[in-house]
């Protein structure tokens, strides 16, 4: 699973999540309230690259309706409002282009930028799929060394892009402790992601098992940059953020050495995360534009043989849908069963086991109330 036990104070300070514990927050029922400066501090500090709002934003219409959601976890029945009070900072539910529920904890509005954590991996995967469709990447069976020669003789050198995407790289890695120095070094610019990848060690045969590894995603970002000749954020801007119709500016963390992180650290509004989910629900298309190749959407949301609940940098909820997930339990949940998109951002959710039951119940209630 994505990393979830980094020390909260350290991780928040380093990545400027600027969050408060949701359990201490009160609901804000007026999401239209404007933020003083939603782009601060990302717009003035080094280590953040901008993504600019699309000139053709995807239209979302506010159409709130009452959702009587309840679900049971460990023998205890919960409600939607209880779930939000305990776990959420920002929350949006889409039924088509309609925002049927939107909620923010105290101190947050629809203009606030929320830390993605590892939800960023799903953006990275879709950017790889677009580059593959364009022919900039020849094949998922190409090795890392083909695109990043400096890694040719490293443990990553002969690892295929496919095995990076399905988290089966063979690199010796334990996500929780190993992600701490990765994230510290990248956030502070102490080491580049290229340097950290070059120092990685082989632990087992690639393609033989699932092992979640954020460094794999950082290497994919390096591959993308070399294959396209563009910085990571500029390619995401040109191929996803703009064409998909994201309505607000956002920011992406970098390693202060010219490399996008790939594994982490988009800072965007909840509504724009929902737009990304809607793009994927609609098989990569928006307003008649095919942004992410339709075949790629199907590929990344299908098990690849090493895990029944993981595709290519997208998690799978079998029989229900798929989702992007980040540390501390961030979610972009796409219910293909009910054609609903749900985004829930949080400072920390200590009981992640209830999130998928909650998401399924919300999606079912949206479908019931159509």
Foldseek 3Di string as FASTA:
>chain_A
DFAAPDPLVVVCVLQVQVDDFLLPWDKDPDQVDDDPDQCPPLVPDPFKDKFFFAPFAFAAAEDEDDFFFWFDDPRDIDTPVRCRSRFFAWKFKDDQRYTHDIMGTPPDHLSHWGWFAQLLLVLLLLLVQVCCVVCLDPDQCDFLCVQVVVQCPALRNNFGNQLLQQQQSQWDDDNHVVVVVVSVQQSVLVDALSVVRRPIDGHDDGPPAHDDDQSSQQSSQSSSCRSVVHASSVSSNVQPNHQLRGGGMKIFGGSSPRHGSRRTTIIHGQVSLQSVLLCLLVQQDGPRRRRGHSVSSVQQACPDPRDRQGGRQWGYDPPFFIWRARYLTWIFTQGNVQRMTMTGGGSHDPCNVCVVSSVRRRSVSVSVVD
